[in-house]
Amino acid sequence: MLKYARSYRSEVYHLRVISYKAEERGESDQTLEGIQHQSYEEYEKATQKVWIIENILKDRIGYYPVKVTDNFLQLYLHRIKQSQKKRMVLKK
Protein backbone atom coordinates (compact mmCIF):
# COMPACT_ATOMS: atom_id res chain seq x y z
CA MET A 1 0.00 0.00 0.00
CA LEU A 2 2.78 2.41 0.86
CA LYS A 3 4.50 1.82 -2.47
CA TYR A 4 1.24 2.44 -4.36
CA ALA A 5 0.35 5.52 -2.29
CA ARG A 6 3.77 7.05 -2.83
CA SER A 7 3.69 6.45 -6.57
CA TYR A 8 0.19 7.95 -6.82
CA ARG A 9 1.30 11.03 -4.87
CA SER A 10 4.27 11.36 -7.21
CA GLU A 11 1.98 11.23 -10.27
CA VAL A 12 -0.28 13.92 -8.82
CA TYR A 13 2.74 16.07 -8.03
CA HIS A 14 3.99 15.81 -11.62
CA LEU A 15 0.56 16.92 -12.87
CA ARG A 16 0.86 19.96 -10.61
CA VAL A 17 4.27 20.77 -12.07
CA ILE A 18 2.92 20.49 -15.62
CA SER A 19 0.01 22.84 -14.85
CA TYR A 20 2.35 25.42 -13.29
CA LYS A 21 4.66 25.25 -16.30
CA ALA A 22 1.68 25.84 -18.58
CA GLU A 23 0.70 28.86 -16.49
CA GLU A 24 4.23 30.28 -16.75
CA ARG A 25 3.98 30.08 -20.53
CA GLY A 26 0.91 32.29 -20.41
CA GLU A 27 -1.62 29.57 -21.07
CA SER A 28 -3.89 30.57 -18.20
CA ASP A 29 -7.62 30.28 -18.42
CA GLN A 30 -10.49 29.05 -16.22
CA THR A 31 -9.85 25.41 -17.12
CA LEU A 32 -6.21 25.60 -16.10
CA GLU A 33 -7.08 27.27 -12.80
CA GLY A 34 -9.61 24.52 -12.10
CA ILE A 35 -7.02 21.85 -12.87
CA GLN A 36 -4.49 23.53 -10.57
CA HIS A 37 -7.01 23.76 -7.72
CA GLN A 38 -8.10 20.16 -8.19
CA SER A 39 -4.52 18.89 -8.41
CA TYR A 40 -3.60 20.75 -5.22
CA GLU A 41 -6.52 19.15 -3.35
CA GLU A 42 -5.68 15.72 -4.76
CA TYR A 43 -2.03 16.11 -3.77
CA GLU A 44 -3.07 17.03 -0.23
CA LYS A 45 -5.29 13.94 0.01
CA ALA A 46 -2.55 11.70 -1.39
CA THR A 47 -0.01 13.13 1.06
CA GLN A 48 -2.36 12.54 3.99
CA LYS A 49 -2.87 8.93 2.93
CA VAL A 50 0.88 8.36 2.64
CA TRP A 51 1.40 9.83 6.11
CA ILE A 52 -1.36 7.64 7.57
CA ILE A 53 0.20 4.48 6.12
CA GLU A 54 3.67 5.55 7.29
CA ASN A 55 2.39 6.20 10.82
CA ILE A 56 0.68 2.80 10.95
CA LEU A 57 3.91 1.14 9.85
CA LYS A 58 5.90 3.14 12.36
CA ASP A 59 3.57 2.03 15.16
CA ARG A 60 3.64 -1.61 14.11
CA ILE A 61 7.25 -2.22 13.06
CA GLY A 62 9.00 0.73 14.68
CA TYR A 63 9.90 2.62 11.50
CA TYR A 64 8.69 3.28 8.00
CA PRO A 65 10.82 2.23 5.05
CA VAL A 66 12.34 4.90 2.86
CA LYS A 67 11.89 2.70 -0.18
CA VAL A 68 9.60 -0.30 -0.57
CA THR A 69 11.31 -2.78 -2.86
CA ASP A 70 10.81 -6.46 -3.58
CA ASN A 71 13.99 -7.19 -1.63
CA PHE A 72 12.64 -5.32 1.41
CA LEU A 73 9.35 -7.24 1.25
CA GLN A 74 11.10 -10.61 0.91
CA LEU A 75 13.38 -9.86 3.86
CA TYR A 76 10.41 -8.74 5.96
CA LEU A 77 8.46 -11.90 5.10
CA HIS A 78 11.53 -13.99 5.97
CA ARG A 79 11.74 -12.31 9.39
CA ILE A 80 8.06 -13.01 10.03
CA LYS A 81 8.51 -16.68 9.16
CA GLN A 82 11.61 -16.93 11.36
CA SER A 83 9.79 -15.45 14.34
CA GLN A 84 6.90 -17.89 13.90
CA LYS A 85 9.26 -20.85 14.20
CA LYS A 86 10.38 -19.93 17.69
CA ARG A 87 8.14 -21.34 20.39
CA MET A 88 7.54 -19.15 23.38
CA VAL A 89 6.99 -21.32 26.42
CA LEU A 90 7.08 -20.26 30.03
CA LYS A 91 8.59 -22.85 32.35
CA LYS A 92 7.30 -23.19 35.89
PDB file of N, CA and C in Angstrom:
ATOM      1  N   MET A   1       0.813  -1.198   0.000  1.00  0.00           N
ATOM      2  CA  MET A   1       0.000   0.000   0.000  1.00  0.00           C
ATOM      3  C   MET A   1       0.855   1.261   0.000  1.00  0.00           C
ATOM      4  N   LEU A   2       1.919   1.230   0.797  1.00  0.00           N
ATOM      5  CA  LEU A   2       2.775   2.412   0.861  1.00  0.00           C
ATOM      6  C   LEU A   2       3.422   2.696  -0.491  1.00  0.00           C
ATOM      7  N   LYS A   3       3.872   1.656  -1.153  1.00  0.00           N
ATOM      8  CA  LYS A   3       4.497   1.819  -2.466  1.00  0.00           C
ATOM      9  C   LYS A   3       3.504   2.426  -3.459  1.00  0.00           C
ATOM     10  N   TYR A   4       2.279   1.915  -3.457  1.00  0.00           N
ATOM     11  CA  TYR A   4       1.244   2.436  -4.358  1.00  0.00           C
ATOM     12  C   TYR A   4       0.906   3.888  -4.002  1.00  0.00           C
ATOM     13  N   ALA A   5       0.727   4.169  -2.716  1.00  0.00           N
ATOM     14  CA  ALA A   5       0.349   5.518  -2.290  1.00  0.00           C
ATOM     15  C   ALA A   5       1.431   6.530  -2.654  1.00  0.00           C
ATOM     16  N   ARG A   6       2.682   6.141  -2.471  1.00  0.00           N
ATOM     17  CA  ARG A   6       3.770   7.053  -2.826  1.00  0.00           C
ATOM     18  C   ARG A   6       3.847   7.300  -4.325  1.00  0.00           C
ATOM     19  N   SER A   7       3.641   6.259  -5.116  1.00  0.00           N
ATOM     20  CA  SER A   7       3.695   6.450  -6.572  1.00  0.00           C
ATOM     21  C   SER A   7       2.521   7.301  -7.052  1.00  0.00           C
ATOM     22  N   TYR A   8       1.350   7.126  -6.446  1.00  0.00           N
ATOM     23  CA  TYR A   8       0.194   7.950  -6.816  1.00  0.00           C
ATOM     24  C   TYR A   8       0.448   9.412  -6.466  1.00  0.00           C
ATOM     25  N   ARG A   9       0.992   9.655  -5.275  1.00  0.00           N
ATOM     26  CA  ARG A   9       1.296  11.031  -4.869  1.00  0.00           C
ATOM     27  C   ARG A   9       2.309  11.654  -5.820  1.00  0.00           C
ATOM     28  N   SER A  10       3.270  10.874  -6.268  1.00  0.00           N
ATOM     29  CA  SER A  10       4.268  11.362  -7.212  1.00  0.00           C
ATOM     30  C   SER A  10       3.620  11.744  -8.548  1.00  0.00           C
ATOM     31  N   GLU A  11       2.692  10.918  -9.018  1.00  0.00           N
ATOM     32  CA  GLU A  11       1.981  11.230 -10.267  1.00  0.00           C
ATOM     33  C   GLU A  11       1.197  12.529 -10.139  1.00  0.00           C
ATOM     34  N   VAL A  12       0.501  12.702  -9.035  1.00  0.00           N
ATOM     35  CA  VAL A  12      -0.283  13.918  -8.817  1.00  0.00           C
ATOM     36  C   VAL A  12       0.638  15.131  -8.756  1.00  0.00           C
ATOM     37  N   TYR A  13       1.787  14.969  -8.118  1.00  0.00           N
ATOM     38  CA  TYR A  13       2.742  16.069  -8.033  1.00  0.00           C
ATOM     39  C   TYR A  13       3.227  16.476  -9.425  1.00  0.00           C
ATOM     40  N   HIS A  14       3.520  15.493 -10.264  1.00  0.00           N
ATOM     41  CA  HIS A  14       3.986  15.809 -11.622  1.00  0.00           C
ATOM     42  C   HIS A  14       2.907  16.524 -12.430  1.00  0.00           C
ATOM     43  N   LEU A  15       1.648  16.190 -12.209  1.00  0.00           N
ATOM     44  CA  LEU A  15       0.560  16.917 -12.873  1.00  0.00           C
ATOM     45  C   LEU A  15       0.525  18.369 -12.406  1.00  0.00           C
ATOM     46  N   ARG A  16       0.805  18.585 -11.122  1.00  0.00           N
ATOM     47  CA  ARG A  16       0.857  19.960 -10.613  1.00  0.00           C
ATOM     48  C   ARG A  16       1.980  20.731 -11.280  1.00  0.00           C
ATOM     49  N   VAL A  17       3.127  20.108 -11.440  1.00  0.00           N
ATOM     50  CA  VAL A  17       4.269  20.770 -12.070  1.00  0.00           C
ATOM     51  C   VAL A  17       3.934  21.137 -13.512  1.00  0.00           C
ATOM     52  N   ILE A  18       3.302  20.231 -14.225  1.00  0.00           N
ATOM     53  CA  ILE A  18       2.921  20.494 -15.618  1.00  0.00           C
ATOM     54  C   ILE A  18       1.961  21.672 -15.705  1.00  0.00           C
ATOM     55  N   SER A  19       0.984  21.736 -14.809  1.00  0.00           N
ATOM     56  CA  SER A  19       0.014  22.840 -14.851  1.00  0.00           C
ATOM     57  C   SER A  19       0.685  24.173 -14.525  1.00  0.00           C
ATOM     58  N   TYR A  20       1.643  24.182 -13.600  1.00  0.00           N
ATOM     59  CA  TYR A  20       2.355  25.423 -13.293  1.00  0.00           C
ATOM     60  C   TYR A  20       3.239  25.861 -14.450  1.00  0.00           C
ATOM     61  N   LYS A  21       3.849  24.908 -15.142  1.00  0.00           N
ATOM     62  CA  LYS A  21       4.662  25.254 -16.304  1.00  0.00           C
ATOM     63  C   LYS A  21       3.795  25.848 -17.411  1.00  0.00           C
ATOM     64  N   ALA A  22       2.588  25.306 -17.576  1.00  0.00           N
ATOM     65  CA  ALA A  22       1.676  25.840 -18.581  1.00  0.00           C
ATOM     66  C   ALA A  22       1.262  27.261 -18.214  1.00  0.00           C
ATOM     67  N   GLU A  23       1.077  27.510 -16.932  1.00  0.00           N
ATOM     68  CA  GLU A  23       0.702  28.856 -16.488  1.00  0.00           C
ATOM     69  C   GLU A  23       1.845  29.840 -16.739  1.00  0.00           C
ATOM     70  N   GLU A  24       3.077  29.404 -16.522  1.00  0.00           N
ATOM     71  CA  GLU A  24       4.234  30.277 -16.751  1.00  0.00           C
ATOM     72  C   GLU A  24       4.368  30.661 -18.216  1.00  0.00           C
ATOM     73  N   ARG A  25       3.917  29.788 -19.084  1.00  0.00           N
ATOM     74  CA  ARG A  25       3.985  30.076 -20.528  1.00  0.00           C
ATOM     75  C   ARG A  25       2.875  31.024 -20.966  1.00  0.00           C
ATOM     76  N   GLY A  26       1.989  31.372 -20.072  1.00  0.00           N
ATOM     77  CA  GLY A  26       0.912  32.295 -20.406  1.00  0.00           C
ATOM     78  C   GLY A  26      -0.339  31.608 -20.896  1.00  0.00           C
ATOM     79  N   GLU A  27      -0.460  30.330 -20.634  1.00  0.00           N
ATOM     80  CA  GLU A  27      -1.622  29.574 -21.073  1.00  0.00           C
ATOM     81  C   GLU A  27      -2.661  29.494 -19.966  1.00  0.00           C
ATOM     82  N   SER A  28      -2.950  30.605 -19.318  1.00  0.00           N
ATOM     83  CA  SER A  28      -3.887  30.570 -18.199  1.00  0.00           C
ATOM     84  C   SER A  28      -5.299  30.857 -18.683  1.00  0.00           C
ATOM     85  N   ASP A  29      -6.205  30.079 -18.197  1.00  0.00           N
ATOM     86  CA  ASP A  29      -7.619  30.283 -18.419  1.00  0.00           C
ATOM     87  C   ASP A  29      -8.366  29.612 -17.264  1.00  0.00           C
ATOM     88  N   GLN A  30      -9.676  29.624 -17.307  1.00  0.00           N
ATOM     89  CA  GLN A  30     -10.490  29.045 -16.224  1.00  0.00           C
ATOM     90  C   GLN A  30     -10.231  27.554 -16.072  1.00  0.00           C
ATOM     91  N   THR A  31     -10.068  26.855 -17.177  1.00  0.00           N
ATOM     92  CA  THR A  31      -9.854  25.409 -17.121  1.00  0.00           C
ATOM     93  C   THR A  31      -8.549  25.089 -16.402  1.00  0.00           C
ATOM     94  N   LEU A  32      -7.510  25.825 -16.720  1.00  0.00           N
ATOM     95  CA  LEU A  32      -6.207  25.595 -16.105  1.00  0.00           C
ATOM     96  C   LEU A  32      -6.252  25.886 -14.608  1.00  0.00           C
ATOM     97  N   GLU A  33      -6.953  26.946 -14.220  1.00  0.00           N
ATOM     98  CA  GLU A  33      -7.082  27.266 -12.798  1.00  0.00           C
ATOM     99  C   GLU A  33      -7.836  26.170 -12.067  1.00  0.00           C
ATOM    100  N   GLY A  34      -8.854  25.614 -12.695  1.00  0.00           N
ATOM    101  CA  GLY A  34      -9.610  24.517 -12.101  1.00  0.00           C
ATOM    102  C   GLY A  34      -8.750  23.276 -11.926  1.00  0.00           C
ATOM    103  N   ILE A  35      -7.924  22.997 -12.933  1.00  0.00           N
ATOM    104  CA  ILE A  35      -7.019  21.845 -12.866  1.00  0.00           C
ATOM    105  C   ILE A  35      -6.007  22.041 -11.749  1.00  0.00           C
ATOM    106  N   GLN A  36      -5.463  23.261 -11.627  1.00  0.00           N
ATOM    107  CA  GLN A  36      -4.493  23.529 -10.572  1.00  0.00           C
ATOM    108  C   GLN A  36      -5.121  23.352  -9.191  1.00  0.00           C
ATOM    109  N   HIS A  37      -6.320  23.877  -9.013  1.00  0.00           N
ATOM    110  CA  HIS A  37      -7.008  23.762  -7.724  1.00  0.00           C
ATOM    111  C   HIS A  37      -7.298  22.297  -7.403  1.00  0.00           C
ATOM    112  N   GLN A  38      -7.787  21.567  -8.391  1.00  0.00           N
ATOM    113  CA  GLN A  38      -8.104  20.157  -8.187  1.00  0.00           C
ATOM    114  C   GLN A  38      -6.832  19.346  -7.906  1.00  0.00           C
ATOM    115  N   SER A  39      -5.768  19.636  -8.628  1.00  0.00           N
ATOM    116  CA  SER A  39      -4.525  18.891  -8.414  1.00  0.00           C
ATOM    117  C   SER A  39      -3.944  19.185  -7.041  1.00  0.00           C
ATOM    118  N   TYR A  40      -4.089  20.413  -6.557  1.00  0.00           N
ATOM    119  CA  TYR A  40      -3.597  20.746  -5.216  1.00  0.00           C
ATOM    120  C   TYR A  40      -4.375  19.954  -4.163  1.00  0.00           C
ATOM    121  N   GLU A  41      -5.698  19.901  -4.299  1.00  0.00           N
ATOM    122  CA  GLU A  41      -6.520  19.149  -3.350  1.00  0.00           C
ATOM    123  C   GLU A  41      -6.192  17.659  -3.411  1.00  0.00           C
ATOM    124  N   GLU A  42      -5.998  17.145  -4.608  1.00  0.00           N
ATOM    125  CA  GLU A  42      -5.682  15.720  -4.764  1.00  0.00           C
ATOM    126  C   GLU A  42      -4.306  15.398  -4.177  1.00  0.00           C
ATOM    127  N   TYR A  43      -3.360  16.313  -4.340  1.00  0.00           N
ATOM    128  CA  TYR A  43      -2.030  16.111  -3.770  1.00  0.00           C
ATOM    129  C   TYR A  43      -2.097  16.110  -2.242  1.00  0.00           C
ATOM    130  N   GLU A  44      -2.896  17.001  -1.683  1.00  0.00           N
ATOM    131  CA  GLU A  44      -3.072  17.032  -0.226  1.00  0.00           C
ATOM    132  C   GLU A  44      -3.651  15.719   0.282  1.00  0.00           C
ATOM    133  N   LYS A  45      -4.676  15.207  -0.393  1.00  0.00           N
ATOM    134  CA  LYS A  45      -5.293  13.941   0.010  1.00  0.00           C
ATOM    135  C   LYS A  45      -4.283  12.793  -0.100  1.00  0.00           C
ATOM    136  N   ALA A  46      -3.542  12.765  -1.189  1.00  0.00           N
ATOM    137  CA  ALA A  46      -2.552  11.703  -1.391  1.00  0.00           C
ATOM    138  C   ALA A  46      -1.468  11.763  -0.318  1.00  0.00           C
ATOM    139  N   THR A  47      -1.031  12.972   0.031  1.00  0.00           N
ATOM    140  CA  THR A  47      -0.012  13.133   1.064  1.00  0.00           C
ATOM    141  C   THR A  47      -0.534  12.660   2.416  1.00  0.00           C
ATOM    142  N   GLN A  48      -1.776  12.994   2.726  1.00  0.00           N
ATOM    143  CA  GLN A  48      -2.364  12.542   3.989  1.00  0.00           C
ATOM    144  C   GLN A  48      -2.430  11.019   4.055  1.00  0.00           C
ATOM    145  N   LYS A  49      -2.795  10.389   2.950  1.00  0.00           N
ATOM    146  CA  LYS A  49      -2.875   8.930   2.927  1.00  0.00           C
ATOM    147  C   LYS A  49      -1.497   8.299   3.112  1.00  0.00           C
ATOM    148  N   VAL A  50      -0.482   8.876   2.480  1.00  0.00           N
ATOM    149  CA  VAL A  50       0.882   8.364   2.644  1.00  0.00           C
ATOM    150  C   VAL A  50       1.299   8.481   4.102  1.00  0.00           C
ATOM    151  N   TRP A  51       1.021   9.627   4.711  1.00  0.00           N
ATOM    152  CA  TRP A  51       1.400   9.826   6.109  1.00  0.00           C
ATOM    153  C   TRP A  51       0.667   8.858   7.036  1.00  0.00           C
ATOM    154  N   ILE A  52      -0.597   8.586   6.753  1.00  0.00           N
ATOM    155  CA  ILE A  52      -1.362   7.639   7.572  1.00  0.00           C
ATOM    156  C   ILE A  52      -0.723   6.257   7.500  1.00  0.00           C
ATOM    157  N   ILE A  53      -0.415   5.806   6.292  1.00  0.00           N
ATOM    158  CA  ILE A  53       0.203   4.482   6.120  1.00  0.00           C
ATOM    159  C   ILE A  53       1.565   4.443   6.809  1.00  0.00           C
ATOM    160  N   GLU A  54       2.362   5.508   6.647  1.00  0.00           N
ATOM    161  CA  GLU A  54       3.672   5.553   7.286  1.00  0.00           C
ATOM    162  C   GLU A  54       3.547   5.509   8.812  1.00  0.00           C
ATOM    163  N   ASN A  55       2.571   6.211   9.361  1.00  0.00           N
ATOM    164  CA  ASN A  55       2.386   6.201  10.816  1.00  0.00           C
ATOM    165  C   ASN A  55       1.930   4.834  11.321  1.00  0.00           C
ATOM    166  N   ILE A  56       1.088   4.148  10.572  1.00  0.00           N
ATOM    167  CA  ILE A  56       0.679   2.801  10.951  1.00  0.00           C
ATOM    168  C   ILE A  56       1.887   1.873  10.955  1.00  0.00           C
ATOM    169  N   LEU A  57       2.698   1.957   9.909  1.00  0.00           N
ATOM    170  CA  LEU A  57       3.913   1.137   9.850  1.00  0.00           C
ATOM    171  C   LEU A  57       4.865   1.471  10.993  1.00  0.00           C
ATOM    172  N   LYS A  58       5.000   2.738  11.283  1.00  0.00           N
ATOM    173  CA  LYS A  58       5.902   3.144  12.360  1.00  0.00           C
ATOM    174  C   LYS A  58       5.426   2.585  13.697  1.00  0.00           C
ATOM    175  N   ASP A  59       4.113   2.595  13.923  1.00  0.00           N
ATOM    176  CA  ASP A  59       3.572   2.029  15.161  1.00  0.00           C
ATOM    177  C   ASP A  59       3.778   0.521  15.228  1.00  0.00           C
ATOM    178  N   ARG A  60       3.610  -0.147  14.105  1.00  0.00           N
ATOM    179  CA  ARG A  60       3.642  -1.613  14.113  1.00  0.00           C
ATOM    180  C   ARG A  60       5.043  -2.207  14.030  1.00  0.00           C
ATOM    181  N   ILE A  61       5.914  -1.626  13.211  1.00  0.00           N
ATOM    182  CA  ILE A  61       7.253  -2.223  13.062  1.00  0.00           C
ATOM    183  C   ILE A  61       8.362  -1.318  13.579  1.00  0.00           C
ATOM    184  N   GLY A  62       8.012  -0.137  14.062  1.00  0.00           N
ATOM    185  CA  GLY A  62       8.998   0.734  14.681  1.00  0.00           C
ATOM    186  C   GLY A  62       9.614   1.763  13.754  1.00  0.00           C
ATOM    187  N   TYR A  63       9.374   1.657  12.474  1.00  0.00           N
ATOM    188  CA  TYR A  63       9.903   2.619  11.505  1.00  0.00           C
ATOM    189  C   TYR A  63       9.097   2.495  10.220  1.00  0.00           C
ATOM    190  N   TYR A  64       9.272   3.442   9.332  1.00  0.00           N
ATOM    191  CA  TYR A  64       8.686   3.283   8.002  1.00  0.00           C
ATOM    192  C   TYR A  64       9.816   3.268   6.988  1.00  0.00           C
ATOM    193  N   PRO A  65       9.719   2.370   6.009  1.00  0.00           N
ATOM    194  CA  PRO A  65      10.816   2.230   5.047  1.00  0.00           C
ATOM    195  C   PRO A  65      10.894   3.430   4.099  1.00  0.00           C
ATOM    196  N   VAL A  66      12.117   3.813   3.800  1.00  0.00           N
ATOM    197  CA  VAL A  66      12.338   4.902   2.860  1.00  0.00           C
ATOM    198  C   VAL A  66      11.910   4.471   1.465  1.00  0.00           C
ATOM    199  N   LYS A  67      12.231   3.231   1.142  1.00  0.00           N
ATOM    200  CA  LYS A  67      11.893   2.702  -0.184  1.00  0.00           C
ATOM    201  C   LYS A  67      11.335   1.296  -0.002  1.00  0.00           C
ATOM    202  N   VAL A  68      10.209   1.027  -0.639  1.00  0.00           N
ATOM    203  CA  VAL A  68       9.599  -0.299  -0.565  1.00  0.00           C
ATOM    204  C   VAL A  68       9.964  -1.040  -1.849  1.00  0.00           C
ATOM    205  N   THR A  69      10.869  -2.002  -1.710  1.00  0.00           N
ATOM    206  CA  THR A  69      11.312  -2.781  -2.856  1.00  0.00           C
ATOM    207  C   THR A  69      10.935  -4.242  -2.647  1.00  0.00           C
ATOM    208  N   ASP A  70      11.081  -5.027  -3.695  1.00  0.00           N
ATOM    209  CA  ASP A  70      10.811  -6.465  -3.576  1.00  0.00           C
ATOM    210  C   ASP A  70      11.769  -7.110  -2.573  1.00  0.00           C
ATOM    211  N   ASN A  71      13.006  -6.661  -2.571  1.00  0.00           N
ATOM    212  CA  ASN A  71      13.987  -7.193  -1.633  1.00  0.00           C
ATOM    213  C   ASN A  71      13.568  -6.901  -0.183  1.00  0.00           C
ATOM    214  N   PHE A  72      13.109  -5.684   0.071  1.00  0.00           N
ATOM    215  CA  PHE A  72      12.643  -5.319   1.409  1.00  0.00           C
ATOM    216  C   PHE A  72      11.481  -6.207   1.827  1.00  0.00           C
ATOM    217  N   LEU A  73      10.519  -6.421   0.929  1.00  0.00           N
ATOM    218  CA  LEU A  73       9.348  -7.237   1.253  1.00  0.00           C
ATOM    219  C   LEU A  73       9.728  -8.693   1.503  1.00  0.00           C
ATOM    220  N   GLN A  74      10.652  -9.231   0.710  1.00  0.00           N
ATOM    221  CA  GLN A  74      11.098 -10.614   0.912  1.00  0.00           C
ATOM    222  C   GLN A  74      11.819 -10.770   2.250  1.00  0.00           C
ATOM    223  N   LEU A  75      12.667  -9.817   2.587  1.00  0.00           N
ATOM    224  CA  LEU A  75      13.380  -9.865   3.857  1.00  0.00           C
ATOM    225  C   LEU A  75      12.400  -9.761   5.028  1.00  0.00           C
ATOM    226  N   TYR A  76      11.418  -8.899   4.903  1.00  0.00           N
ATOM    227  CA  TYR A  76      10.415  -8.736   5.962  1.00  0.00           C
ATOM    228  C   TYR A  76       9.604 -10.016   6.138  1.00  0.00           C
ATOM    229  N   LEU A  77       9.200 -10.636   5.041  1.00  0.00           N
ATOM    230  CA  LEU A  77       8.460 -11.896   5.100  1.00  0.00           C
ATOM    231  C   LEU A  77       9.328 -12.986   5.730  1.00  0.00           C
ATOM    232  N   HIS A  78      10.603 -13.015   5.387  1.00  0.00           N
ATOM    233  CA  HIS A  78      11.528 -13.990   5.971  1.00  0.00           C
ATOM    234  C   HIS A  78      11.606 -13.806   7.497  1.00  0.00           C
ATOM    235  N   ARG A  79      11.686 -12.577   7.954  1.00  0.00           N
ATOM    236  CA  ARG A  79      11.740 -12.311   9.392  1.00  0.00           C
ATOM    237  C   ARG A  79      10.464 -12.761  10.096  1.00  0.00           C
ATOM    238  N   ILE A  80       9.330 -12.574   9.452  1.00  0.00           N
ATOM    239  CA  ILE A  80       8.057 -13.012  10.031  1.00  0.00           C
ATOM    240  C   ILE A  80       8.055 -14.526  10.174  1.00  0.00           C
ATOM    241  N   LYS A  81       8.481 -15.219   9.112  1.00  0.00           N
ATOM    242  CA  LYS A  81       8.511 -16.683   9.158  1.00  0.00           C
ATOM    243  C   LYS A  81       9.485 -17.186  10.220  1.00  0.00           C
ATOM    244  N   GLN A  82      10.632 -16.533  10.353  1.00  0.00           N
ATOM    245  CA  GLN A  82      11.609 -16.934  11.357  1.00  0.00           C
ATOM    246  C   GLN A  82      11.047 -16.763  12.765  1.00  0.00           C
ATOM    247  N   SER A  83      10.327 -15.676  12.994  1.00  0.00           N
ATOM    248  CA  SER A  83       9.793 -15.446  14.337  1.00  0.00           C
ATOM    249  C   SER A  83       8.648 -16.403  14.659  1.00  0.00           C
ATOM    250  N   GLN A  84       7.979 -16.938  13.660  1.00  0.00           N
ATOM    251  CA  GLN A  84       6.902 -17.893  13.904  1.00  0.00           C
ATOM    252  C   GLN A  84       7.443 -19.273  14.272  1.00  0.00           C
ATOM    253  N   LYS A  85       8.666 -19.555  13.898  1.00  0.00           N
ATOM    254  CA  LYS A  85       9.265 -20.854  14.197  1.00  0.00           C
ATOM    255  C   LYS A  85       9.632 -20.985  15.676  1.00  0.00           C
ATOM    256  N   LYS A  86       9.942 -19.884  16.297  1.00  0.00           N
ATOM    257  CA  LYS A  86      10.379 -19.926  17.689  1.00  0.00           C
ATOM    258  C   LYS A  86       9.172 -20.082  18.607  1.00  0.00           C
ATOM    259  N   ARG A  87       9.220 -21.109  19.441  1.00  0.00           N
ATOM    260  CA  ARG A  87       8.145 -21.335  20.393  1.00  0.00           C
ATOM    261  C   ARG A  87       8.425 -20.533  21.647  1.00  0.00           C
ATOM    262  N   MET A  88       7.411 -19.903  22.140  1.00  0.00           N
ATOM    263  CA  MET A  88       7.541 -19.148  23.379  1.00  0.00           C
ATOM    264  C   MET A  88       6.790 -19.906  24.469  1.00  0.00           C
ATOM    265  N   VAL A  89       7.559 -20.497  25.361  1.00  0.00           N
ATOM    266  CA  VAL A  89       6.992 -21.316  26.418  1.00  0.00           C
ATOM    267  C   VAL A  89       7.547 -20.825  27.759  1.00  0.00           C
ATOM    268  N   LEU A  90       6.656 -20.627  28.696  1.00  0.00           N
ATOM    269  CA  LEU A  90       7.080 -20.263  30.032  1.00  0.00           C
ATOM    270  C   LEU A  90       7.229 -21.525  30.865  1.00  0.00           C
ATOM    271  N   LYS A  91       8.361 -21.678  31.508  1.00  0.00           N
ATOM    272  CA  LYS A  91       8.588 -22.848  32.353  1.00  0.00           C
ATOM    273  C   LYS A  91       8.266 -22.482  33.796  1.00  0.00           C
ATOM    274  N   LYS A  92       7.667 -23.425  34.487  1.00  0.00           N
ATOM    275  CA  LYS A  92       7.299 -23.189  35.893  1.00  0.00           C
ATOM    276  C   LYS A  92       8.393 -23.583  36.817  1.00  0.00           C
TER     277      LYS A  92
END
